[in-house]
């Protein structure tokens, strides 16, 4: 991958990372600032359910943050855009759709097929 494309993907990944970190910070401050007292158990249960759902989303985002940081490290090491399995270049369309991917579409398809079998 040429340097211009790599920098383009670095910028895209940095923007995603910053947005995720902002959302995580907002969630933490919202949950710690909220001093709402719900005398009605149904309202309290609804709030707890919403919080639980939001925490599950944030956990998924935490995992994505780790993948973004790994992708940025691969850019630094000039390994970004190379399939971990076959070593071939990952198509630009796939990288645009999922910039944290580490497999080309063929290897990922095969991996998923093997998971279904096993």
N, C-alpha and C. Protein backbone atom coordinates (compact mmCIF):
# COMPACT_ATOMS: atom_id res chain seq x y z
N UNK A 1 0.85 -1.16 0.00
CA UNK A 1 0.00 0.00 0.00
C UNK A 1 0.91 1.23 0.00
N UNK A 2 0.52 2.19 -0.84
CA UNK A 2 1.36 3.39 -0.90
C UNK A 2 1.12 4.29 0.32
N UNK A 3 2.07 5.21 0.52
CA UNK A 3 2.06 6.07 1.71
C UNK A 3 0.81 6.95 1.77
N UNK A 4 0.35 7.44 0.64
CA UNK A 4 -0.83 8.32 0.61
C UNK A 4 -2.06 7.57 1.09
N UNK A 5 -2.26 6.36 0.61
CA UNK A 5 -3.41 5.54 1.03
C UNK A 5 -3.30 5.19 2.50
N UNK A 6 -2.11 4.85 2.94
CA UNK A 6 -1.91 4.50 4.34
C UNK A 6 -2.26 5.68 5.25
N UNK A 7 -1.86 6.88 4.86
CA UNK A 7 -2.18 8.07 5.65
C UNK A 7 -3.68 8.35 5.63
N UNK A 8 -4.32 8.08 4.51
CA UNK A 8 -5.77 8.24 4.40
C UNK A 8 -6.48 7.31 5.39
N UNK A 9 -6.02 6.07 5.46
CA UNK A 9 -6.61 5.12 6.40
C UNK A 9 -6.26 5.47 7.84
N UNK A 10 -5.07 6.01 8.06
CA UNK A 10 -4.69 6.44 9.41
C UNK A 10 -5.65 7.52 9.89
N UNK A 11 -5.95 8.48 9.03
CA UNK A 11 -6.87 9.56 9.38
C UNK A 11 -8.27 9.01 9.68
N UNK A 12 -8.74 8.10 8.84
CA UNK A 12 -10.05 7.48 9.04
C UNK A 12 -10.12 6.76 10.38
N UNK A 13 -9.09 5.98 10.67
CA UNK A 13 -9.04 5.24 11.93
C UNK A 13 -8.94 6.18 13.14
N UNK A 14 -8.15 7.23 13.02
CA UNK A 14 -8.02 8.21 14.11
C UNK A 14 -9.36 8.87 14.41
N UNK A 15 -10.11 9.21 13.36
CA UNK A 15 -11.42 9.84 13.55
C UNK A 15 -12.38 8.88 14.25
N UNK A 16 -12.36 7.61 13.84
CA UNK A 16 -13.22 6.62 14.49
C UNK A 16 -12.84 6.45 15.95
N UNK A 17 -11.55 6.40 16.22
CA UNK A 17 -11.06 6.23 17.58
C UNK A 17 -11.48 7.40 18.46
N UNK A 18 -11.31 8.60 17.97
CA UNK A 18 -11.69 9.78 18.75
C UNK A 18 -13.18 9.80 19.04
N UNK A 19 -14.01 9.44 18.06
CA UNK A 19 -15.46 9.42 18.26
C UNK A 19 -15.84 8.38 19.31
N UNK A 20 -15.24 7.21 19.25
CA UNK A 20 -15.54 6.16 20.23
C UNK A 20 -15.12 6.58 21.64
N UNK A 21 -13.96 7.19 21.75
CA UNK A 21 -13.49 7.63 23.06
C UNK A 21 -14.37 8.75 23.63
N UNK A 22 -14.83 9.66 22.77
CA UNK A 22 -15.76 10.70 23.21
C UNK A 22 -17.05 10.09 23.75
N UNK A 23 -17.60 9.12 23.00
CA UNK A 23 -18.84 8.46 23.42
C UNK A 23 -18.66 7.73 24.74
N UNK A 24 -17.52 7.07 24.91
CA UNK A 24 -17.26 6.35 26.15
C UNK A 24 -17.19 7.32 27.32
N UNK A 25 -16.52 8.43 27.13
CA UNK A 25 -16.43 9.43 28.19
C UNK A 25 -17.78 10.01 28.54
N UNK A 26 -18.61 10.22 27.54
CA UNK A 26 -19.96 10.75 27.77
C UNK A 26 -20.79 9.75 28.57
N UNK A 27 -20.67 8.48 28.23
CA UNK A 27 -21.42 7.45 28.96
C UNK A 27 -21.03 7.43 30.42
N UNK A 28 -19.74 7.47 30.68
CA UNK A 28 -19.26 7.44 32.08
C UNK A 28 -19.78 8.65 32.83
N UNK A 29 -19.68 9.84 32.23
CA UNK A 29 -20.13 11.03 32.94
C UNK A 29 -21.65 11.01 33.13
N UNK A 30 -22.39 10.52 32.15
CA UNK A 30 -23.85 10.43 32.29
C UNK A 30 -24.24 9.49 33.42
N UNK A 31 -23.55 8.38 33.53
CA UNK A 31 -23.91 7.39 34.55
C UNK A 31 -23.50 7.83 35.95
N UNK A 32 -22.43 8.59 36.05
CA UNK A 32 -21.99 9.03 37.37
C UNK A 32 -22.71 10.29 37.82
N UNK A 33 -23.15 11.12 36.88
CA UNK A 33 -23.84 12.35 37.21
C UNK A 33 -25.30 12.14 37.57
N UNK A 34 -25.87 11.06 37.06
CA UNK A 34 -27.31 10.86 37.22
C UNK A 34 -27.65 10.56 38.68
N UNK A 35 -28.45 11.41 39.26
CA UNK A 35 -28.85 11.25 40.65
C UNK A 35 -30.37 11.03 40.74
N UNK A 36 -30.92 10.48 39.69
CA UNK A 36 -32.36 10.29 39.63
C UNK A 36 -32.80 9.21 40.60
N UNK A 37 -33.85 9.50 41.34
CA UNK A 37 -34.41 8.54 42.27
C UNK A 37 -35.79 8.15 41.75
N UNK A 38 -35.96 6.89 41.47
CA UNK A 38 -37.23 6.40 40.95
C UNK A 38 -37.94 5.60 42.02
N UNK A 39 -39.01 6.16 42.60
CA UNK A 39 -39.76 5.41 43.59
C UNK A 39 -40.51 4.23 42.97
N UNK A 40 -40.82 4.35 41.67
CA UNK A 40 -41.56 3.29 40.99
C UNK A 40 -40.58 2.19 40.54
N UNK A 41 -40.76 0.96 40.98
CA UNK A 41 -39.84 -0.12 40.60
C UNK A 41 -39.79 -0.36 39.09
N UNK A 42 -40.88 -0.11 38.40
CA UNK A 42 -40.89 -0.31 36.95
C UNK A 42 -39.98 0.71 36.26
N UNK A 43 -40.03 1.95 36.72
CA UNK A 43 -39.16 2.98 36.15
C UNK A 43 -37.70 2.65 36.44
N UNK A 44 -37.42 2.19 37.63
CA UNK A 44 -36.06 1.82 38.01
C UNK A 44 -35.56 0.65 37.15
N UNK A 45 -36.43 -0.34 36.95
CA UNK A 45 -36.06 -1.50 36.13
C UNK A 45 -35.78 -1.07 34.68
N UNK A 46 -36.58 -0.15 34.19
CA UNK A 46 -36.38 0.35 32.83
C UNK A 46 -35.03 1.07 32.72
N UNK A 47 -34.71 1.89 33.70
CA UNK A 47 -33.43 2.59 33.70
C UNK A 47 -32.26 1.59 33.75
N UNK A 48 -32.37 0.60 34.60
CA UNK A 48 -31.30 -0.41 34.72
C UNK A 48 -31.15 -1.20 33.42
N UNK A 49 -32.27 -1.51 32.79
CA UNK A 49 -32.22 -2.22 31.50
C UNK A 49 -31.52 -1.36 30.45
N UNK A 50 -31.86 -0.07 30.41
CA UNK A 50 -31.21 0.84 29.45
C UNK A 50 -29.72 0.94 29.72
N UNK A 51 -29.34 1.03 30.97
CA UNK A 51 -27.92 1.11 31.33
C UNK A 51 -27.18 -0.17 30.93
N UNK A 52 -27.81 -1.29 31.19
CA UNK A 52 -27.20 -2.57 30.84
C UNK A 52 -26.97 -2.65 29.33
N UNK A 53 -27.97 -2.22 28.56
CA UNK A 53 -27.85 -2.23 27.10
C UNK A 53 -26.72 -1.31 26.65
N UNK A 54 -26.64 -0.13 27.23
CA UNK A 54 -25.59 0.81 26.86
C UNK A 54 -24.21 0.28 27.24
N UNK A 55 -24.11 -0.39 28.36
CA UNK A 55 -22.82 -0.96 28.75
C UNK A 55 -22.39 -2.08 27.80
N UNK A 56 -23.34 -2.85 27.32
CA UNK A 56 -23.00 -3.90 26.33
C UNK A 56 -22.48 -3.26 25.04
N UNK A 57 -23.12 -2.16 24.63
CA UNK A 57 -22.66 -1.46 23.44
C UNK A 57 -21.24 -0.92 23.66
N UNK A 58 -21.01 -0.33 24.82
CA UNK A 58 -19.68 0.22 25.12
C UNK A 58 -18.62 -0.87 25.18
N UNK A 59 -19.00 -2.07 25.63
CA UNK A 59 -18.04 -3.18 25.65
C UNK A 59 -17.64 -3.56 24.23
N UNK A 60 -18.61 -3.58 23.33
CA UNK A 60 -18.30 -3.86 21.93
C UNK A 60 -17.40 -2.77 21.36
N UNK A 61 -17.70 -1.52 21.73
CA UNK A 61 -16.89 -0.41 21.26
C UNK A 61 -15.48 -0.48 21.84
N UNK A 62 -15.35 -0.95 23.07
CA UNK A 62 -14.03 -1.11 23.68
C UNK A 62 -13.18 -2.09 22.87
N UNK A 63 -13.81 -3.17 22.43
CA UNK A 63 -13.10 -4.14 21.60
C UNK A 63 -12.72 -3.53 20.26
N UNK A 64 -13.61 -2.70 19.70
CA UNK A 64 -13.31 -2.03 18.44
C UNK A 64 -12.16 -1.04 18.62
N UNK A 65 -12.11 -0.36 19.75
CA UNK A 65 -11.01 0.56 20.03
C UNK A 65 -9.68 -0.19 20.01
N UNK A 66 -9.65 -1.37 20.61
CA UNK A 66 -8.41 -2.17 20.60
C UNK A 66 -8.03 -2.54 19.17
N UNK A 67 -9.02 -2.91 18.35
CA UNK A 67 -8.74 -3.27 16.96
C UNK A 67 -8.24 -2.07 16.16
N UNK A 68 -8.81 -0.89 16.44
CA UNK A 68 -8.36 0.32 15.75
C UNK A 68 -6.91 0.61 16.11
N UNK A 69 -6.57 0.49 17.38
CA UNK A 69 -5.18 0.73 17.81
C UNK A 69 -4.23 -0.27 17.16
N UNK A 70 -4.67 -1.51 17.03
CA UNK A 70 -3.84 -2.52 16.36
C UNK A 70 -3.66 -2.17 14.88
N UNK A 71 -4.73 -1.68 14.24
CA UNK A 71 -4.64 -1.29 12.83
C UNK A 71 -3.68 -0.11 12.66
N UNK A 72 -3.75 0.85 13.57
CA UNK A 72 -2.82 1.99 13.52
C UNK A 72 -1.38 1.51 13.69
N UNK A 73 -1.17 0.53 14.55
CA UNK A 73 0.17 -0.03 14.73
C UNK A 73 0.63 -0.73 13.44
N UNK A 74 -0.29 -1.41 12.76
CA UNK A 74 0.07 -2.07 11.50
C UNK A 74 0.45 -1.03 10.44
N UNK A 75 -0.21 0.13 10.46
CA UNK A 75 0.17 1.20 9.52
C UNK A 75 1.60 1.64 9.82
N UNK A 76 1.91 1.83 11.11
CA UNK A 76 3.26 2.24 11.50
C UNK A 76 4.31 1.22 11.08
N UNK A 77 3.94 -0.06 11.15
CA UNK A 77 4.86 -1.14 10.81
C UNK A 77 4.83 -1.48 9.32
N UNK A 78 4.04 -0.72 8.56
CA UNK A 78 3.87 -0.92 7.11
C UNK A 78 3.34 -2.32 6.79
N UNK A 79 2.49 -2.84 7.66
CA UNK A 79 1.86 -4.14 7.44
C UNK A 79 0.36 -4.01 7.21
N UNK A 80 -0.14 -2.77 7.24
CA UNK A 80 -1.57 -2.53 7.08
C UNK A 80 -2.00 -2.91 5.66
N UNK A 81 -3.14 -3.58 5.56
CA UNK A 81 -3.68 -3.94 4.26
C UNK A 81 -3.18 -5.27 3.74
N UNK A 82 -2.41 -5.99 4.56
CA UNK A 82 -1.94 -7.32 4.15
C UNK A 82 -2.68 -8.38 4.95
N UNK A 83 -3.13 -9.41 4.27
CA UNK A 83 -3.88 -10.49 4.91
C UNK A 83 -2.96 -11.29 5.83
N UNK A 84 -3.42 -11.52 7.06
CA UNK A 84 -2.64 -12.31 8.02
C UNK A 84 -2.50 -13.77 7.59
N UNK A 85 -3.45 -14.25 6.81
CA UNK A 85 -3.44 -15.65 6.44
C UNK A 85 -2.60 -15.94 5.20
N UNK A 86 -2.90 -15.24 4.10
CA UNK A 86 -2.22 -15.55 2.84
C UNK A 86 -1.13 -14.54 2.47
N UNK A 87 -1.10 -13.39 3.14
CA UNK A 87 -0.08 -12.39 2.87
C UNK A 87 -0.37 -11.49 1.68
N UNK A 88 -1.47 -11.73 0.99
CA UNK A 88 -1.84 -10.89 -0.15
C UNK A 88 -2.45 -9.58 0.34
N UNK A 89 -2.50 -8.60 -0.57
CA UNK A 89 -3.11 -7.32 -0.22
C UNK A 89 -4.63 -7.48 -0.08
N UNK A 90 -5.18 -6.83 0.92
CA UNK A 90 -6.62 -6.80 1.14
C UNK A 90 -7.17 -5.71 0.22
N UNK A 91 -8.27 -6.00 -0.44
CA UNK A 91 -8.85 -5.03 -1.37
C UNK A 91 -9.23 -3.73 -0.68
N UNK A 92 -9.05 -2.63 -1.41
CA UNK A 92 -9.33 -1.31 -0.84
C UNK A 92 -10.80 -1.18 -0.45
N UNK A 93 -11.70 -1.75 -1.24
CA UNK A 93 -13.14 -1.67 -0.92
C UNK A 93 -13.40 -2.35 0.43
N UNK A 94 -12.77 -3.48 0.68
CA UNK A 94 -12.95 -4.17 1.97
C UNK A 94 -12.36 -3.33 3.11
N UNK A 95 -11.22 -2.74 2.89
CA UNK A 95 -10.61 -1.90 3.92
C UNK A 95 -11.45 -0.66 4.22
N UNK A 96 -12.08 -0.11 3.21
CA UNK A 96 -12.95 1.04 3.43
C UNK A 96 -14.19 0.63 4.24
N UNK A 97 -14.71 -0.55 3.96
CA UNK A 97 -15.88 -1.04 4.68
C UNK A 97 -15.54 -1.44 6.11
N UNK A 98 -14.36 -2.02 6.29
CA UNK A 98 -13.94 -2.48 7.62
C UNK A 98 -12.43 -2.28 7.75
N UNK A 99 -12.00 -1.06 8.10
CA UNK A 99 -10.57 -0.77 8.10
C UNK A 99 -9.76 -1.54 9.14
N UNK A 100 -10.41 -2.18 10.10
CA UNK A 100 -9.66 -2.94 11.11
C UNK A 100 -9.45 -4.39 10.70
N UNK A 101 -9.94 -4.77 9.53
CA UNK A 101 -9.85 -6.17 9.12
C UNK A 101 -8.40 -6.61 8.95
N UNK A 102 -8.16 -7.88 9.20
CA UNK A 102 -6.82 -8.43 9.03
C UNK A 102 -6.79 -9.57 8.01
N UNK A 103 -7.94 -9.84 7.40
CA UNK A 103 -8.05 -10.92 6.41
C UNK A 103 -8.65 -10.41 5.11
N UNK A 104 -8.17 -10.93 3.99
CA UNK A 104 -8.80 -10.64 2.71
C UNK A 104 -10.14 -11.36 2.68
N UNK A 105 -10.98 -11.02 1.75
CA UNK A 105 -12.33 -11.57 1.72
C UNK A 105 -12.32 -13.09 1.53
N UNK A 106 -11.39 -13.59 0.73
CA UNK A 106 -11.33 -15.03 0.49
C UNK A 106 -10.97 -15.79 1.77
N UNK A 107 -9.96 -15.31 2.48
CA UNK A 107 -9.53 -15.99 3.71
C UNK A 107 -10.58 -15.86 4.80
N UNK A 108 -11.24 -14.71 4.89
CA UNK A 108 -12.29 -14.53 5.90
C UNK A 108 -13.47 -15.44 5.60
N UNK A 109 -13.84 -15.56 4.33
CA UNK A 109 -14.94 -16.45 3.94
C UNK A 109 -14.60 -17.89 4.30
N UNK A 110 -13.37 -18.30 4.05
CA UNK A 110 -12.94 -19.65 4.38
C UNK A 110 -12.94 -19.87 5.90
N UNK A 111 -12.47 -18.88 6.65
CA UNK A 111 -12.46 -18.97 8.11
C UNK A 111 -13.88 -19.15 8.64
N UNK A 112 -14.82 -18.37 8.13
CA UNK A 112 -16.21 -18.49 8.57
C UNK A 112 -16.80 -19.84 8.18
N UNK A 113 -16.44 -20.34 7.00
CA UNK A 113 -16.92 -21.65 6.57
C UNK A 113 -16.41 -22.75 7.51
N UNK A 114 -15.13 -22.65 7.90
CA UNK A 114 -14.54 -23.62 8.82
C UNK A 114 -15.21 -23.56 10.20
N UNK A 115 -15.58 -22.35 10.64
CA UNK A 115 -16.25 -22.20 11.93
C UNK A 115 -17.61 -22.89 11.92
N UNK A 116 -18.31 -22.81 10.80
CA UNK A 116 -19.63 -23.45 10.69
C UNK A 116 -19.50 -24.97 10.72
N UNK A 117 -18.43 -25.47 10.11
CA UNK A 117 -18.22 -26.92 10.06
C UNK A 117 -17.85 -27.45 11.45
N UNK A 118 -16.91 -26.75 12.08
CA UNK A 118 -16.35 -27.22 13.35
C UNK A 118 -17.10 -26.72 14.49
